[in-house]
C-alpha atoms as a PDB file:
ATOM      1  CA  UNK A   1     139.846 265.706  49.182  1.00  0.00           C
ATOM      2  CA  UNK A   2     136.599 263.739  49.164  1.00  0.00           C
ATOM      3  CA  UNK A   3     136.456 263.915  52.965  1.00  0.00           C
ATOM      4  CA  UNK A   4     136.812 267.711  52.789  1.00  0.00           C
ATOM      5  CA  UNK A   5     134.029 267.991  50.172  1.00  0.00           C
ATOM      6  CA  UNK A   6     131.723 265.838  52.304  1.00  0.00           C
ATOM      7  CA  UNK A   7     132.478 268.011  55.352  1.00  0.00           C
ATOM      8  CA  UNK A   8     131.721 271.197  53.393  1.00  0.00           C
ATOM      9  CA  UNK A   9     128.468 269.700  52.089  1.00  0.00           C
ATOM     10  CA  UNK A  10     127.385 268.683  55.601  1.00  0.00           C
ATOM     11  CA  UNK A  11     128.067 272.208  56.841  1.00  0.00           C
ATOM     12  CA  UNK A  12     125.991 273.669  54.009  1.00  0.00           C
ATOM     13  CA  UNK A  13     123.063 271.349  54.767  1.00  0.00           C
ATOM     14  CA  UNK A  14     123.287 272.217  58.473  1.00  0.00           C
ATOM     15  CA  UNK A  15     123.334 275.958  57.714  1.00  0.00           C
ATOM     16  CA  UNK A  16     120.292 275.512  55.449  1.00  0.00           C
ATOM     17  CA  UNK A  17     118.398 273.638  58.182  1.00  0.00           C
ATOM     18  CA  UNK A  18     119.201 276.330  60.746  1.00  0.00           C
ATOM     19  CA  UNK A  19     118.110 279.035  58.297  1.00  0.00           C
ATOM     20  CA  UNK A  20     114.794 277.235  57.752  1.00  0.00           C
ATOM     21  CA  UNK A  21     114.263 276.985  61.506  1.00  0.00           C
ATOM     22  CA  UNK A  22     114.958 280.706  61.987  1.00  0.00           C
ATOM     23  CA  UNK A  23     112.659 281.612  59.096  1.00  0.00           C
ATOM     24  CA  UNK A  24     109.660 279.655  60.329  1.00  0.00           C
ATOM     25  CA  UNK A  25     110.189 280.891  63.899  1.00  0.00           C
ATOM     26  CA  UNK A  26     110.467 284.551  62.899  1.00  0.00           C
ATOM     27  CA  UNK A  27     107.734 286.956  64.049  1.00  0.00           C
ATOM     28  CA  UNK A  28     104.800 287.343  61.659  1.00  0.00           C
ATOM     29  CA  UNK A  29     104.407 290.529  59.664  1.00  0.00           C
ATOM     30  CA  UNK A  30     101.528 292.168  57.848  1.00  0.00           C
ATOM     31  CA  UNK A  31     102.741 290.654  54.566  1.00  0.00           C
ATOM     32  CA  UNK A  32     101.345 287.219  53.730  1.00  0.00           C
ATOM     33  CA  UNK A  33     103.924 284.441  53.613  1.00  0.00           C
ATOM     34  CA  UNK A  34     101.950 282.730  50.834  1.00  0.00           C
ATOM     35  CA  UNK A  35     100.183 283.674  47.607  1.00  0.00           C
ATOM     36  CA  UNK A  36      96.367 283.651  47.412  1.00  0.00           C
ATOM     37  CA  UNK A  37      95.357 280.432  45.713  1.00  0.00           C
ATOM     38  CA  UNK A  38      98.227 278.360  47.124  1.00  0.00           C
ATOM     39  CA  UNK A  39      97.275 274.832  48.287  1.00  0.00           C
ATOM     40  CA  UNK A  40      95.377 274.977  51.574  1.00  0.00           C
ATOM     41  CA  UNK A  41      94.610 278.695  51.273  1.00  0.00           C
ATOM     42  CA  UNK A  42      91.389 280.688  51.026  1.00  0.00           C
ATOM     43  CA  UNK A  43      90.807 284.238  49.850  1.00  0.00           C
ATOM     44  CA  UNK A  44      87.543 286.159  50.156  1.00  0.00           C
ATOM     45  CA  UNK A  45      86.645 289.840  49.826  1.00  0.00           C
ATOM     46  CA  UNK A  46      83.394 291.576  50.751  1.00  0.00           C
ATOM     47  CA  UNK A  47      82.945 294.914  48.955  1.00  0.00           C
ATOM     48  CA  UNK A  48      79.236 295.125  49.863  1.00  0.00           C
ATOM     49  CA  UNK A  49      78.227 296.157  46.353  1.00  0.00           C
ATOM     50  CA  UNK A  50      76.225 292.988  45.540  1.00  0.00           C
ATOM     51  CA  UNK A  51      74.588 290.083  47.328  1.00  0.00           C
ATOM     52  CA  UNK A  52      73.520 292.130  50.362  1.00  0.00           C
ATOM     53  CA  UNK A  53      70.153 291.238  51.886  1.00  0.00           C
ATOM     54  CA  UNK A  54      68.455 292.836  54.919  1.00  0.00           C
ATOM     55  CA  UNK A  55      67.465 290.206  57.468  1.00  0.00           C
ATOM     56  CA  UNK A  56      65.561 292.283  60.017  1.00  0.00           C
ATOM     57  CA  UNK A  57      66.978 293.265  63.402  1.00  0.00           C
ATOM     58  CA  UNK A  58      65.743 294.417  66.792  1.00  0.00           C
ATOM     59  CA  UNK A  59      65.239 297.918  68.183  1.00  0.00           C
ATOM     60  CA  UNK A  60      67.528 300.365  66.414  1.00  0.00           C
ATOM     61  CA  UNK A  61      69.734 297.563  65.036  1.00  0.00           C
ATOM     62  CA  UNK A  62      69.414 296.596  61.372  1.00  0.00           C
ATOM     63  CA  UNK A  63      70.857 293.236  60.272  1.00  0.00           C
ATOM     64  CA  UNK A  64      72.248 292.319  56.854  1.00  0.00           C
ATOM     65  CA  UNK A  65      73.520 289.179  55.136  1.00  0.00           C
ATOM     66  CA  UNK A  66      76.347 289.573  52.600  1.00  0.00           C
ATOM     67  CA  UNK A  67      78.233 287.160  50.365  1.00  0.00           C
ATOM     68  CA  UNK A  68      81.750 287.924  49.075  1.00  0.00           C
ATOM     69  CA  UNK A  69      82.120 289.543  45.660  1.00  0.00           C
ATOM     70  CA  UNK A  70      85.517 287.834  45.373  1.00  0.00           C
ATOM     71  CA  UNK A  71      85.331 284.177  46.360  1.00  0.00           C
ATOM     72  CA  UNK A  72      88.664 282.355  46.356  1.00  0.00           C
ATOM     73  CA  UNK A  73      87.506 279.733  48.852  1.00  0.00           C
ATOM     74  CA  UNK A  74      87.534 276.238  47.264  1.00  0.00           C
ATOM     75  CA  UNK A  75      85.931 274.481  50.237  1.00  0.00           C
ATOM     76  CA  UNK A  76      82.264 273.642  50.737  1.00  0.00           C
ATOM     77  CA  UNK A  77      80.294 275.156  53.575  1.00  0.00           C
ATOM     78  CA  UNK A  78      78.806 278.473  54.668  1.00  0.00           C
ATOM     79  CA  UNK A  79      80.763 281.510  53.430  1.00  0.00           C
ATOM     80  CA  UNK A  80      79.002 284.717  54.418  1.00  0.00           C
ATOM     81  CA  UNK A  81      79.080 287.882  56.504  1.00  0.00           C
ATOM     82  CA  UNK A  82      76.434 288.908  59.028  1.00  0.00           C
ATOM     83  CA  UNK A  83      76.385 292.668  59.649  1.00  0.00           C
ATOM     84  CA  UNK A  84      74.530 294.400  62.500  1.00  0.00           C
ATOM     85  CA  UNK A  85      74.315 298.211  62.205  1.00  0.00           C
ATOM     86  CA  UNK A  86      73.181 300.306  65.159  1.00  0.00           C
ATOM     87  CA  UNK A  87      71.318 303.537  64.312  1.00  0.00           C
ATOM     88  CA  UNK A  88      72.321 303.363  60.668  1.00  0.00           C
ATOM     89  CA  UNK A  89      71.826 301.691  57.314  1.00  0.00           C
ATOM     90  CA  UNK A  90      73.516 300.553  54.134  1.00  0.00           C
ATOM     91  CA  UNK A  91      74.940 303.513  52.203  1.00  0.00           C
ATOM     92  CA  UNK A  92      76.463 303.082  48.747  1.00  0.00           C
ATOM     93  CA  UNK A  93      78.908 300.180  48.861  1.00  0.00           C
ATOM     94  CA  UNK A  94      79.099 299.979  52.647  1.00  0.00           C
ATOM     95  CA  UNK A  95      77.393 300.527  55.996  1.00  0.00           C
ATOM     96  CA  UNK A  96      76.997 303.736  58.019  1.00  0.00           C
ATOM     97  CA  UNK A  97      75.953 303.875  61.668  1.00  0.00           C
ATOM     98  CA  UNK A  98      76.925 304.434  65.283  1.00  0.00           C
ATOM     99  CA  UNK A  99      78.141 300.863  65.793  1.00  0.00           C
ATOM    100  CA  UNK A 100      78.825 298.018  63.343  1.00  0.00           C
ATOM    101  CA  UNK A 101      79.267 294.378  64.352  1.00  0.00           C
ATOM    102  CA  UNK A 102      80.634 291.877  61.832  1.00  0.00           C
ATOM    103  CA  UNK A 103      80.486 288.056  61.930  1.00  0.00           C
ATOM    104  CA  UNK A 104      82.315 286.203  59.137  1.00  0.00           C
ATOM    105  CA  UNK A 105      81.758 282.491  58.509  1.00  0.00           C
ATOM    106  CA  UNK A 106      84.719 280.867  56.716  1.00  0.00           C
ATOM    107  CA  UNK A 107      84.825 277.186  55.621  1.00  0.00           C
ATOM    108  CA  UNK A 108      88.265 275.505  55.605  1.00  0.00           C
ATOM    109  CA  UNK A 109      90.184 272.571  54.285  1.00  0.00           C
ATOM    110  CA  UNK A 110      88.442 269.512  55.822  1.00  0.00           C
ATOM    111  CA  UNK A 111      91.627 267.413  56.081  1.00  0.00           C
ATOM    112  CA  UNK A 112      93.333 268.072  59.430  1.00  0.00           C
ATOM    113  CA  UNK A 113      96.533 270.112  59.345  1.00  0.00           C
ATOM    114  CA  UNK A 114      98.387 270.961  62.555  1.00  0.00           C
ATOM    115  CA  UNK A 115      98.599 274.684  61.929  1.00  0.00           C
ATOM    116  CA  UNK A 116      96.550 277.502  60.359  1.00  0.00           C
ATOM    117  CA  UNK A 117      96.884 281.267  59.920  1.00  0.00           C
ATOM    118  CA  UNK A 118      94.069 283.805  59.527  1.00  0.00           C
ATOM    119  CA  UNK A 119      94.555 287.398  58.383  1.00  0.00           C
ATOM    120  CA  UNK A 120      91.678 289.883  58.397  1.00  0.00           C
ATOM    121  CA  UNK A 121      91.882 293.362  56.861  1.00  0.00           C
ATOM    122  CA  UNK A 122      89.073 295.919  56.682  1.00  0.00           C
ATOM    123  CA  UNK A 123      88.461 299.391  55.315  1.00  0.00           C
ATOM    124  CA  UNK A 124      86.523 301.487  57.823  1.00  0.00           C
ATOM    125  CA  UNK A 125      86.385 304.658  59.860  1.00  0.00           C
ATOM    126  CA  UNK A 126      86.228 304.339  63.623  1.00  0.00           C
ATOM    127  CA  UNK A 127      87.895 301.987  66.080  1.00  0.00           C
ATOM    128  CA  UNK A 128      88.012 298.185  65.791  1.00  0.00           C
ATOM    129  CA  UNK A 129      87.340 296.451  69.139  1.00  0.00           C
ATOM    130  CA  UNK A 130      86.799 292.932  70.492  1.00  0.00           C
ATOM    131  CA  UNK A 131      88.156 290.956  67.504  1.00  0.00           C
ATOM    132  CA  UNK A 132      88.167 287.200  67.912  1.00  0.00           C
ATOM    133  CA  UNK A 133      87.743 283.743  66.391  1.00  0.00           C
ATOM    134  CA  UNK A 134      85.367 280.937  67.361  1.00  0.00           C
ATOM    135  CA  UNK A 135      85.970 277.322  66.316  1.00  0.00           C
ATOM    136  CA  UNK A 136      83.736 274.319  66.843  1.00  0.00           C
ATOM    137  CA  UNK A 137      85.980 271.293  67.430  1.00  0.00           C
ATOM    138  CA  UNK A 138      88.100 272.230  70.431  1.00  0.00           C
ATOM    139  CA  UNK A 139      90.850 273.887  68.378  1.00  0.00           C
ATOM    140  CA  UNK A 140      93.197 276.312  70.135  1.00  0.00           C
ATOM    141  CA  UNK A 141      93.213 279.900  68.865  1.00  0.00           C
ATOM    142  CA  UNK A 142      96.292 281.945  69.691  1.00  0.00           C
ATOM    143  CA  UNK A 143      96.356 285.489  70.927  1.00  0.00           C
ATOM    144  CA  UNK A 144      96.663 287.785  67.901  1.00  0.00           C
ATOM    145  CA  UNK A 145     100.029 287.303  66.196  1.00  0.00           C
ATOM    146  CA  UNK A 146      99.727 290.720  64.546  1.00  0.00           C
ATOM    147  CA  UNK A 147      97.586 293.781  65.239  1.00  0.00           C
ATOM    148  CA  UNK A 148      97.341 297.094  63.419  1.00  0.00           C
ATOM    149  CA  UNK A 149      94.550 299.668  63.122  1.00  0.00           C
ATOM    150  CA  UNK A 150      92.930 297.750  60.253  1.00  0.00           C
ATOM    151  CA  UNK A 151      94.708 294.344  60.165  1.00  0.00           C
ATOM    152  CA  UNK A 152      94.694 291.458  62.617  1.00  0.00           C
ATOM    153  CA  UNK A 153      96.056 287.899  62.427  1.00  0.00           C
ATOM    154  CA  UNK A 154      95.667 284.683  64.417  1.00  0.00           C
ATOM    155  CA  UNK A 155      97.007 281.137  64.493  1.00  0.00           C
ATOM    156  CA  UNK A 156      94.836 278.050  65.068  1.00  0.00           C
ATOM    157  CA  UNK A 157      96.104 274.604  66.056  1.00  0.00           C
ATOM    158  CA  UNK A 158      94.993 272.307  64.554  1.00  0.00           C
ATOM    159  CA  UNK A 159      93.024 273.789  61.665  1.00  0.00           C
ATOM    160  CA  UNK A 160      89.235 273.527  62.037  1.00  0.00           C
ATOM    161  CA  UNK A 161      86.958 272.797  59.089  1.00  0.00           C
ATOM    162  CA  UNK A 162      85.254 276.148  59.750  1.00  0.00           C
ATOM    163  CA  UNK A 163      85.645 279.194  61.933  1.00  0.00           C
ATOM    164  CA  UNK A 164      83.641 282.309  62.787  1.00  0.00           C
ATOM    165  CA  UNK A 165      85.560 285.605  62.861  1.00  0.00           C
ATOM    166  CA  UNK A 166      83.995 288.572  64.629  1.00  0.00           C
ATOM    167  CA  UNK A 167      84.755 292.189  65.446  1.00  0.00           C
ATOM    168  CA  UNK A 168      82.981 295.450  66.279  1.00  0.00           C
ATOM    169  CA  UNK A 169      83.610 298.969  65.001  1.00  0.00           C
ATOM    170  CA  UNK A 170      82.882 301.894  67.332  1.00  0.00           C
ATOM    171  CA  UNK A 171      83.043 305.638  66.874  1.00  0.00           C
ATOM    172  CA  UNK A 172      85.884 307.703  68.326  1.00  0.00           C
ATOM    173  CA  UNK A 173      86.884 311.327  68.716  1.00  0.00           C
ATOM    174  CA  UNK A 174      88.098 311.563  65.109  1.00  0.00           C
ATOM    175  CA  UNK A 175      84.995 310.079  63.481  1.00  0.00           C
ATOM    176  CA  UNK A 176      82.295 311.516  65.708  1.00  0.00           C
ATOM    177  CA  UNK A 177      79.080 309.531  66.186  1.00  0.00           C
ATOM    178  CA  UNK A 178      78.995 308.062  62.651  1.00  0.00           C
ATOM    179  CA  UNK A 179      81.302 305.274  61.423  1.00  0.00           C
ATOM    180  CA  UNK A 180      81.557 303.550  58.059  1.00  0.00           C
ATOM    181  CA  UNK A 181      82.477 300.015  56.926  1.00  0.00           C
ATOM    182  CA  UNK A 182      83.578 299.815  53.288  1.00  0.00           C
ATOM    183  CA  UNK A 183      85.123 296.361  52.713  1.00  0.00           C
ATOM    184  CA  UNK A 184      86.542 293.270  54.441  1.00  0.00           C
ATOM    185  CA  UNK A 185      89.201 290.849  53.211  1.00  0.00           C
ATOM    186  CA  UNK A 186      90.124 287.492  54.771  1.00  0.00           C
ATOM    187  CA  UNK A 187      93.123 285.315  53.864  1.00  0.00           C
ATOM    188  CA  UNK A 188      93.704 281.930  55.487  1.00  0.00           C
ATOM    189  CA  UNK A 189      96.018 278.978  54.988  1.00  0.00           C
ATOM    190  CA  UNK A 190      96.394 275.522  56.561  1.00  0.00           C
ATOM    191  CA  UNK A 191     100.084 274.564  56.798  1.00  0.00           C
ATOM    192  CA  UNK A 192     102.401 272.273  58.807  1.00  0.00           C
ATOM    193  CA  UNK A 193     103.735 273.553  62.113  1.00  0.00           C
ATOM    194  CA  UNK A 194     107.240 275.055  62.172  1.00  0.00           C
ATOM    195  CA  UNK A 195     108.260 272.232  64.522  1.00  0.00           C
ATOM    196  CA  UNK A 196     107.173 269.695  61.908  1.00  0.00           C
ATOM    197  CA  UNK A 197     109.273 271.420  59.253  1.00  0.00           C
ATOM    198  CA  UNK A 198     112.304 271.473  61.583  1.00  0.00           C
ATOM    199  CA  UNK A 199     111.875 267.769  62.376  1.00  0.00           C
ATOM    200  CA  UNK A 200     111.786 266.991  58.665  1.00  0.00           C
ATOM    201  CA  UNK A 201     115.008 268.952  58.250  1.00  0.00           C
ATOM    202  CA  UNK A 202     116.679 267.076  61.112  1.00  0.00           C
ATOM    203  CA  UNK A 203     115.493 263.758  59.678  1.00  0.00           C
ATOM    204  CA  UNK A 204     117.094 264.670  56.367  1.00  0.00           C
ATOM    205  CA  UNK A 205     120.379 265.455  58.123  1.00  0.00           C
ATOM    206  CA  UNK A 206     120.341 262.141  60.009  1.00  0.00           C
ATOM    207  CA  UNK A 207     119.558 260.220  56.816  1.00  0.00           C
ATOM    208  CA  UNK A 208     122.470 261.853  54.986  1.00  0.00           C
ATOM    209  CA  UNK A 209     124.764 261.119  57.930  1.00  0.00           C
ATOM    210  CA  UNK A 210     123.755 257.457  57.935  1.00  0.00           C
ATOM    211  CA  UNK A 211     124.349 257.141  54.182  1.00  0.00           C
ATOM    212  CA  UNK A 212     127.818 258.716  54.360  1.00  0.00           C
ATOM    213  CA  UNK A 213     129.051 256.675  57.333  1.00  0.00           C
END
């Protein structure tokens, strides 16, 4: 009877480990797999209602510096948005023009973690083009793991202590020559790699096997 119970328990542990492996290897979706404020995460929202300062520009481009109205980033470093507006200006709580280029500077957890996710969401009219991420320590940035008209996500391995996120908004047939940027939200988290989690699960199985032999 005891042998049967041990066999059933081993099967349950194995099923759990396989389920964990399938979960962490599943394709990403637009829904965050963590809650803002979880350990290793950051959360920042620019609504462009406060803390917006013109910084000059060249030709018909006007440049602005903006700090997030909602700052859920616990790490030290530069946290700001640089906005370049072509043939336009700041209007109400956003920016109106023929082209808008955004550069976001996001500080991260300084302790190295093997894996990081970045999710960027924006409210705008027009077409988002040329989104990307720049890091400064040789980190590898994946191709986008998720893309939608107003949401994009990336993975970075290992996590940097800071990254720059950039994208451009252009006009299209629907919007005509004028486009509008209303808000930007960025969520990030530094977490272990799925492979690391799977190895921990396998180590647990081997340890249990050794103890029951």
